[in-house]
Amino acid sequence: MVSMTLSIPAPLAQRMKKHSELNWSDVARQAIKQKIRDLDLLDKLVAKSQMTSRDVEELDDVIKKGLWQRHKELMKA
């Protein structure tokens, strides 16, 4: 197994000490595993995608406009 050393900001380390019952190495290991699973899934989706960068930009615009409209309607209520 490979070892990894992390630098943790002092305020975060103090908060972690309040929960010494947790195995923080295991928490970090599980978070890394989950992130890798997420990235693997993203890679699979992208590999099968036939969308161009332009298609993505157009879809992004449509989604943002829809969200903006919904936000405006909620603000009126």
PDB file of N, CA and C in Angstrom:
ATOM      1  N   MET A   1       0.857  -1.173   0.000  1.00  0.00           N
ATOM      2  CA  MET A   1       0.000   0.000   0.000  1.00  0.00           C
ATOM      3  C   MET A   1       0.903   1.236   0.000  1.00  0.00           C
ATOM      4  N   VAL A   2       0.499   2.260  -0.711  1.00  0.00           N
ATOM      5  CA  VAL A   2       1.236   3.514  -0.784  1.00  0.00           C
ATOM      6  C   VAL A   2       0.798   4.416   0.358  1.00  0.00           C
ATOM      7  N   SER A   3       1.751   5.123   0.943  1.00  0.00           N
ATOM      8  CA  SER A   3       1.428   6.080   2.007  1.00  0.00           C
ATOM      9  C   SER A   3       1.312   7.474   1.422  1.00  0.00           C
ATOM     10  N   MET A   4       0.448   8.272   2.035  1.00  0.00           N
ATOM     11  CA  MET A   4       0.247   9.647   1.594  1.00  0.00           C
ATOM     12  C   MET A   4       0.231  10.529   2.836  1.00  0.00           C
ATOM     13  N   THR A   5       0.870  11.671   2.730  1.00  0.00           N
ATOM     14  CA  THR A   5       0.874  12.632   3.827  1.00  0.00           C
ATOM     15  C   THR A   5       0.087  13.852   3.397  1.00  0.00           C
ATOM     16  N   LEU A   6      -0.830  14.293   4.242  1.00  0.00           N
ATOM     17  CA  LEU A   6      -1.656  15.458   3.936  1.00  0.00           C
ATOM     18  C   LEU A   6      -1.330  16.595   4.888  1.00  0.00           C
ATOM     19  N   SER A   7      -1.382  17.799   4.371  1.00  0.00           N
ATOM     20  CA  SER A   7      -1.280  18.985   5.219  1.00  0.00           C
ATOM     21  C   SER A   7      -2.693  19.463   5.499  1.00  0.00           C
ATOM     22  N   ILE A   8      -3.005  19.629   6.765  1.00  0.00           N
ATOM     23  CA  ILE A   8      -4.335  20.045   7.195  1.00  0.00           C
ATOM     24  C   ILE A   8      -4.205  21.398   7.880  1.00  0.00           C
ATOM     25  N   PRO A   9      -5.016  22.381   7.488  1.00  0.00           N
ATOM     26  CA  PRO A   9      -4.972  23.672   8.182  1.00  0.00           C
ATOM     27  C   PRO A   9      -5.264  23.486   9.676  1.00  0.00           C
ATOM     28  N   ALA A  10      -4.607  24.273  10.499  1.00  0.00           N
ATOM     29  CA  ALA A  10      -4.739  24.148  11.958  1.00  0.00           C
ATOM     30  C   ALA A  10      -6.186  24.187  12.438  1.00  0.00           C
ATOM     31  N   PRO A  11      -7.027  25.117  11.946  1.00  0.00           N
ATOM     32  CA  PRO A  11      -8.423  25.129  12.423  1.00  0.00           C
ATOM     33  C   PRO A  11      -9.161  23.818  12.120  1.00  0.00           C
ATOM     34  N   LEU A  12      -8.874  23.243  10.960  1.00  0.00           N
ATOM     35  CA  LEU A  12      -9.514  21.973  10.607  1.00  0.00           C
ATOM     36  C   LEU A  12      -8.997  20.852  11.508  1.00  0.00           C
ATOM     37  N   ALA A  13      -7.705  20.843  11.768  1.00  0.00           N
ATOM     38  CA  ALA A  13      -7.120  19.825  12.646  1.00  0.00           C
ATOM     39  C   ALA A  13      -7.730  19.904  14.046  1.00  0.00           C
ATOM     40  N   GLN A  14      -7.974  21.109  14.526  1.00  0.00           N
ATOM     41  CA  GLN A  14      -8.594  21.273  15.847  1.00  0.00           C
ATOM     42  C   GLN A  14     -10.002  20.692  15.864  1.00  0.00           C
ATOM     43  N   ARG A  15     -10.740  20.924  14.792  1.00  0.00           N
ATOM     44  CA  ARG A  15     -12.102  20.371  14.711  1.00  0.00           C
ATOM     45  C   ARG A  15     -12.061  18.847  14.630  1.00  0.00           C
ATOM     46  N   MET A  16     -11.071  18.326  13.910  1.00  0.00           N
ATOM     47  CA  MET A  16     -10.931  16.875  13.798  1.00  0.00           C
ATOM     48  C   MET A  16     -10.632  16.254  15.163  1.00  0.00           C
ATOM     49  N   LYS A  17      -9.843  16.939  15.984  1.00  0.00           N
ATOM     50  CA  LYS A  17      -9.494  16.420  17.314  1.00  0.00           C
ATOM     51  C   LYS A  17     -10.725  16.251  18.192  1.00  0.00           C
ATOM     52  N   LYS A  18     -11.757  17.053  17.939  1.00  0.00           N
ATOM     53  CA  LYS A  18     -12.992  16.934  18.718  1.00  0.00           C
ATOM     54  C   LYS A  18     -13.699  15.607  18.448  1.00  0.00           C
ATOM     55  N   HIS A  19     -13.336  14.968  17.344  1.00  0.00           N
ATOM     56  CA  HIS A  19     -13.948  13.689  16.958  1.00  0.00           C
ATOM     57  C   HIS A  19     -12.860  12.629  16.827  1.00  0.00           C
ATOM     58  N   SER A  20     -12.127  12.464  17.895  1.00  0.00           N
ATOM     59  CA  SER A  20     -11.008  11.512  17.880  1.00  0.00           C
ATOM     60  C   SER A  20     -11.479  10.059  17.760  1.00  0.00           C
ATOM     61  N   GLU A  21     -12.785   9.843  17.924  1.00  0.00           N
ATOM     62  CA  GLU A  21     -13.316   8.483  17.777  1.00  0.00           C
ATOM     63  C   GLU A  21     -13.267   8.017  16.326  1.00  0.00           C
ATOM     64  N   LEU A  22     -13.114   8.958  15.404  1.00  0.00           N
ATOM     65  CA  LEU A  22     -13.065   8.615  13.982  1.00  0.00           C
ATOM     66  C   LEU A  22     -11.645   8.287  13.552  1.00  0.00           C
ATOM     67  N   ASN A  23     -11.538   7.352  12.637  1.00  0.00           N
ATOM     68  CA  ASN A  23     -10.256   7.027  12.024  1.00  0.00           C
ATOM     69  C   ASN A  23     -10.136   7.922  10.791  1.00  0.00           C
ATOM     70  N   TRP A  24      -9.454   9.048  10.942  1.00  0.00           N
ATOM     71  CA  TRP A  24      -9.412  10.049   9.877  1.00  0.00           C
ATOM     72  C   TRP A  24      -8.685   9.541   8.638  1.00  0.00           C
ATOM     73  N   SER A  25      -7.755   8.624   8.811  1.00  0.00           N
ATOM     74  CA  SER A  25      -7.101   8.027   7.645  1.00  0.00           C
ATOM     75  C   SER A  25      -8.120   7.253   6.820  1.00  0.00           C
ATOM     76  N   ASP A  26      -9.005   6.527   7.518  1.00  0.00           N
ATOM     77  CA  ASP A  26     -10.040   5.771   6.817  1.00  0.00           C
ATOM     78  C   ASP A  26     -11.045   6.711   6.147  1.00  0.00           C
ATOM     79  N   VAL A  27     -11.387   7.799   6.823  1.00  0.00           N
ATOM     80  CA  VAL A  27     -12.302   8.788   6.236  1.00  0.00           C
ATOM     81  C   VAL A  27     -11.703   9.336   4.940  1.00  0.00           C
ATOM     82  N   ALA A  28     -10.426   9.689   4.972  1.00  0.00           N
ATOM     83  CA  ALA A  28      -9.757  10.218   3.776  1.00  0.00           C
ATOM     84  C   ALA A  28      -9.701   9.153   2.681  1.00  0.00           C
ATOM     85  N   ARG A  29      -9.383   7.917   3.072  1.00  0.00           N
ATOM     86  CA  ARG A  29      -9.299   6.822   2.102  1.00  0.00           C
ATOM     87  C   ARG A  29     -10.648   6.601   1.414  1.00  0.00           C
ATOM     88  N   GLN A  30     -11.735   6.608   2.192  1.00  0.00           N
ATOM     89  CA  GLN A  30     -13.070   6.421   1.622  1.00  0.00           C
ATOM     90  C   GLN A  30     -13.453   7.583   0.706  1.00  0.00           C
ATOM     91  N   ALA A  31     -13.093   8.802   1.088  1.00  0.00           N
ATOM     92  CA  ALA A  31     -13.393   9.968   0.248  1.00  0.00           C
ATOM     93  C   ALA A  31     -12.644   9.880  -1.079  1.00  0.00           C
ATOM     94  N   ILE A  32     -11.402   9.433  -1.028  1.00  0.00           N
ATOM     95  CA  ILE A  32     -10.615   9.284  -2.260  1.00  0.00           C
ATOM     96  C   ILE A  32     -11.224   8.197  -3.137  1.00  0.00           C
ATOM     97  N   LYS A  33     -11.618   7.071  -2.530  1.00  0.00           N
ATOM     98  CA  LYS A  33     -12.254   5.991  -3.305  1.00  0.00           C
ATOM     99  C   LYS A  33     -13.518   6.485  -3.999  1.00  0.00           C
ATOM    100  N   GLN A  34     -14.343   7.236  -3.273  1.00  0.00           N
ATOM    101  CA  GLN A  34     -15.589   7.736  -3.853  1.00  0.00           C
ATOM    102  C   GLN A  34     -15.299   8.701  -4.994  1.00  0.00           C
ATOM    103  N   LYS A  35     -14.322   9.563  -4.825  1.00  0.00           N
ATOM    104  CA  LYS A  35     -13.970  10.522  -5.876  1.00  0.00           C
ATOM    105  C   LYS A  35     -13.489   9.786  -7.122  1.00  0.00           C
ATOM    106  N   ILE A  36     -12.691   8.740  -6.941  1.00  0.00           N
ATOM    107  CA  ILE A  36     -12.214   7.942  -8.073  1.00  0.00           C
ATOM    108  C   ILE A  36     -13.384   7.260  -8.775  1.00  0.00           C
ATOM    109  N   ARG A  37     -14.347   6.712  -7.998  1.00  0.00           N
ATOM    110  CA  ARG A  37     -15.538   6.105  -8.615  1.00  0.00           C
ATOM    111  C   ARG A  37     -16.296   7.130  -9.445  1.00  0.00           C
ATOM    112  N   ASP A  38     -16.466   8.326  -8.890  1.00  0.00           N
ATOM    113  CA  ASP A  38     -17.166   9.392  -9.612  1.00  0.00           C
ATOM    114  C   ASP A  38     -16.439   9.747 -10.902  1.00  0.00           C
ATOM    115  N   LEU A  39     -15.120   9.865 -10.832  1.00  0.00           N
ATOM    116  CA  LEU A  39     -14.336  10.207 -12.022  1.00  0.00           C
ATOM    117  C   LEU A  39     -14.374   9.087 -13.057  1.00  0.00           C
ATOM    118  N   ASP A  40     -14.341   7.833 -12.599  1.00  0.00           N
ATOM    119  CA  ASP A  40     -14.447   6.702 -13.526  1.00  0.00           C
ATOM    120  C   ASP A  40     -15.780   6.732 -14.265  1.00  0.00           C
ATOM    121  N   LEU A  41     -16.853   7.008 -13.534  1.00  0.00           N
ATOM    122  CA  LEU A  41     -18.170   7.099 -14.157  1.00  0.00           C
ATOM    123  C   LEU A  41     -18.203   8.240 -15.166  1.00  0.00           C
ATOM    124  N   LEU A  42     -17.651   9.371 -14.794  1.00  0.00           N
ATOM    125  CA  LEU A  42     -17.600  10.512 -15.703  1.00  0.00           C
ATOM    126  C   LEU A  42     -16.813  10.165 -16.963  1.00  0.00           C
ATOM    127  N   ASP A  43     -15.686   9.472 -16.799  1.00  0.00           N
ATOM    128  CA  ASP A  43     -14.889   9.058 -17.959  1.00  0.00           C
ATOM    129  C   ASP A  43     -15.695   8.155 -18.889  1.00  0.00           C
ATOM    130  N   LYS A  44     -16.475   7.227 -18.308  1.00  0.00           N
ATOM    131  CA  LYS A  44     -17.296   6.333 -19.131  1.00  0.00           C
ATOM    132  C   LYS A  44     -18.358   7.118 -19.897  1.00  0.00           C
ATOM    133  N   LEU A  45     -18.987   8.062 -19.220  1.00  0.00           N
ATOM    134  CA  LEU A  45     -20.019   8.867 -19.875  1.00  0.00           C
ATOM    135  C   LEU A  45     -19.430   9.707 -21.002  1.00  0.00           C
ATOM    136  N   VAL A  46     -18.290  10.301 -20.750  1.00  0.00           N
ATOM    137  CA  VAL A  46     -17.647  11.153 -21.754  1.00  0.00           C
ATOM    138  C   VAL A  46     -17.183  10.319 -22.940  1.00  0.00           C
ATOM    139  N   ALA A  47     -16.690   9.118 -22.678  1.00  0.00           N
ATOM    140  CA  ALA A  47     -16.203   8.256 -23.754  1.00  0.00           C
ATOM    141  C   ALA A  47     -17.328   7.878 -24.714  1.00  0.00           C
ATOM    142  N   LYS A  48     -18.548   7.744 -24.199  1.00  0.00           N
ATOM    143  CA  LYS A  48     -19.686   7.366 -25.035  1.00  0.00           C
ATOM    144  C   LYS A  48     -20.383   8.572 -25.657  1.00  0.00           C
ATOM    145  N   SER A  49     -20.054   9.744 -25.188  1.00  0.00           N
ATOM    146  CA  SER A  49     -20.738  10.952 -25.640  1.00  0.00           C
ATOM    147  C   SER A  49     -20.312  11.333 -27.051  1.00  0.00           C
ATOM    148  N   GLN A  50     -21.278  11.803 -27.813  1.00  0.00           N
ATOM    149  CA  GLN A  50     -20.977  12.300 -29.147  1.00  0.00           C
ATOM    150  C   GLN A  50     -21.225  13.799 -29.218  1.00  0.00           C
ATOM    151  N   MET A  51     -21.379  14.410 -28.059  1.00  0.00           N
ATOM    152  CA  MET A  51     -21.604  15.850 -28.019  1.00  0.00           C
ATOM    153  C   MET A  51     -20.295  16.581 -28.287  1.00  0.00           C
ATOM    154  N   THR A  52     -20.402  17.658 -29.042  1.00  0.00           N
ATOM    155  CA  THR A  52     -19.244  18.510 -29.272  1.00  0.00           C
ATOM    156  C   THR A  52     -19.190  19.562 -28.168  1.00  0.00           C
ATOM    157  N   SER A  53     -18.098  20.281 -28.113  1.00  0.00           N
ATOM    158  CA  SER A  53     -17.982  21.366 -27.132  1.00  0.00           C
ATOM    159  C   SER A  53     -19.075  22.394 -27.364  1.00  0.00           C
ATOM    160  N   ARG A  54     -19.391  22.645 -28.613  1.00  0.00           N
ATOM    161  CA  ARG A  54     -20.450  23.608 -28.949  1.00  0.00           C
ATOM    162  C   ARG A  54     -21.798  23.107 -28.428  1.00  0.00           C
ATOM    163  N   ASP A  55     -22.074  21.812 -28.592  1.00  0.00           N
ATOM    164  CA  ASP A  55     -23.316  21.231 -28.079  1.00  0.00           C
ATOM    165  C   ASP A  55     -23.418  21.427 -26.565  1.00  0.00           C
ATOM    166  N   VAL A  56     -22.313  21.215 -25.883  1.00  0.00           N
ATOM    167  CA  VAL A  56     -22.289  21.370 -24.427  1.00  0.00           C
ATOM    168  C   VAL A  56     -22.569  22.817 -24.053  1.00  0.00           C
ATOM    169  N   GLU A  57     -21.958  23.759 -24.766  1.00  0.00           N
ATOM    170  CA  GLU A  57     -22.184  25.179 -24.489  1.00  0.00           C
ATOM    171  C   GLU A  57     -23.643  25.558 -24.709  1.00  0.00           C
ATOM    172  N   GLU A  58     -24.244  25.050 -25.781  1.00  0.00           N
ATOM    173  CA  GLU A  58     -25.651  25.351 -26.059  1.00  0.00           C
ATOM    174  C   GLU A  58     -26.555  24.767 -24.973  1.00  0.00           C
ATOM    175  N   LEU A  59     -26.290  23.542 -24.564  1.00  0.00           N
ATOM    176  CA  LEU A  59     -27.078  22.922 -23.501  1.00  0.00           C
ATOM    177  C   LEU A  59     -26.905  23.693 -22.197  1.00  0.00           C
ATOM    178  N   ASP A  60     -25.697  24.124 -21.925  1.00  0.00           N
ATOM    179  CA  ASP A  60     -25.415  24.927 -20.735  1.00  0.00           C
ATOM    180  C   ASP A  60     -26.243  26.205 -20.744  1.00  0.00           C
ATOM    181  N   ASP A  61     -26.306  26.873 -21.882  1.00  0.00           N
ATOM    182  CA  ASP A  61     -27.097  28.106 -21.997  1.00  0.00           C
ATOM    183  C   ASP A  61     -28.576  27.842 -21.729  1.00  0.00           C
ATOM    184  N   VAL A  62     -29.107  26.770 -22.297  1.00  0.00           N
ATOM    185  CA  VAL A  62     -30.519  26.432 -22.114  1.00  0.00           C
ATOM    186  C   VAL A  62     -30.812  26.161 -20.635  1.00  0.00           C
ATOM    187  N   ILE A  63     -29.948  25.396 -20.001  1.00  0.00           N
ATOM    188  CA  ILE A  63     -30.152  25.068 -18.584  1.00  0.00           C
ATOM    189  C   ILE A  63     -30.086  26.319 -17.726  1.00  0.00           C
ATOM    190  N   LYS A  64     -29.095  27.157 -17.969  1.00  0.00           N
ATOM    191  CA  LYS A  64     -28.947  28.378 -17.165  1.00  0.00           C
ATOM    192  C   LYS A  64     -30.134  29.314 -17.349  1.00  0.00           C
ATOM    193  N   LYS A  65     -30.621  29.443 -18.578  1.00  0.00           N
ATOM    194  CA  LYS A  65     -31.785  30.301 -18.818  1.00  0.00           C
ATOM    195  C   LYS A  65     -33.004  29.754 -18.087  1.00  0.00           C
ATOM    196  N   GLY A  66     -33.179  28.439 -18.125  1.00  0.00           N
ATOM    197  CA  GLY A  66     -34.303  27.823 -17.431  1.00  0.00           C
ATOM    198  C   GLY A  66     -34.222  28.021 -15.926  1.00  0.00           C
ATOM    199  N   LEU A  67     -33.027  27.860 -15.382  1.00  0.00           N
ATOM    200  CA  LEU A  67     -32.848  28.080 -13.945  1.00  0.00           C
ATOM    201  C   LEU A  67     -33.098  29.533 -13.577  1.00  0.00           C
ATOM    202  N   TRP A  68     -32.650  30.451 -14.415  1.00  0.00           N
ATOM    203  CA  TRP A  68     -32.862  31.873 -14.152  1.00  0.00           C
ATOM    204  C   TRP A  68     -34.356  32.196 -14.163  1.00  0.00           C
ATOM    205  N   GLN A  69     -35.077  31.643 -15.122  1.00  0.00           N
ATOM    206  CA  GLN A  69     -36.524  31.870 -15.201  1.00  0.00           C
ATOM    207  C   GLN A  69     -37.211  31.336 -13.946  1.00  0.00           C
ATOM    208  N   ARG A  70     -36.832  30.135 -13.531  1.00  0.00           N
ATOM    209  CA  ARG A  70     -37.431  29.539 -12.339  1.00  0.00           C
ATOM    210  C   ARG A  70     -37.120  30.394 -11.107  1.00  0.00           C
ATOM    211  N   HIS A  71     -35.906  30.875 -11.022  1.00  0.00           N
ATOM    212  CA  HIS A  71     -35.504  31.722  -9.896  1.00  0.00           C
ATOM    213  C   HIS A  71     -36.324  33.009  -9.877  1.00  0.00           C
ATOM    214  N   LYS A  72     -36.495  33.637 -11.038  1.00  0.00           N
ATOM    215  CA  LYS A  72     -37.279  34.873 -11.107  1.00  0.00           C
ATOM    216  C   LYS A  72     -38.716  34.627 -10.673  1.00  0.00           C
ATOM    217  N   GLU A  73     -39.303  33.504 -11.106  1.00  0.00           N
ATOM    218  CA  GLU A  73     -40.681  33.184 -10.734  1.00  0.00           C
ATOM    219  C   GLU A  73     -40.808  32.946  -9.229  1.00  0.00           C
ATOM    220  N   LEU A  74     -39.822  32.280  -8.652  1.00  0.00           N
ATOM    221  CA  LEU A  74     -39.854  32.035  -7.210  1.00  0.00           C
ATOM    222  C   LEU A  74     -39.699  33.331  -6.425  1.00  0.00           C
ATOM    223  N   MET A  75     -38.936  34.257  -6.954  1.00  0.00           N
ATOM    224  CA  MET A  75     -38.730  35.534  -6.272  1.00  0.00           C
ATOM    225  C   MET A  75     -40.007  36.380  -6.285  1.00  0.00           C
ATOM    226  N   LYS A  76     -40.856  36.196  -7.302  1.00  0.00           N
ATOM    227  CA  LYS A  76     -42.117  36.939  -7.393  1.00  0.00           C
ATOM    228  C   LYS A  76     -43.119  36.441  -6.356  1.00  0.00           C
ATOM    229  N   ALA A  77     -43.054  35.157  -6.051  1.00  0.00           N
ATOM    230  CA  ALA A  77     -44.041  34.537  -5.141  1.00  0.00           C
ATOM    231  C   ALA A  77     -43.857  34.961  -3.707  1.00  0.00           C
TER     232      ALA A  77
END
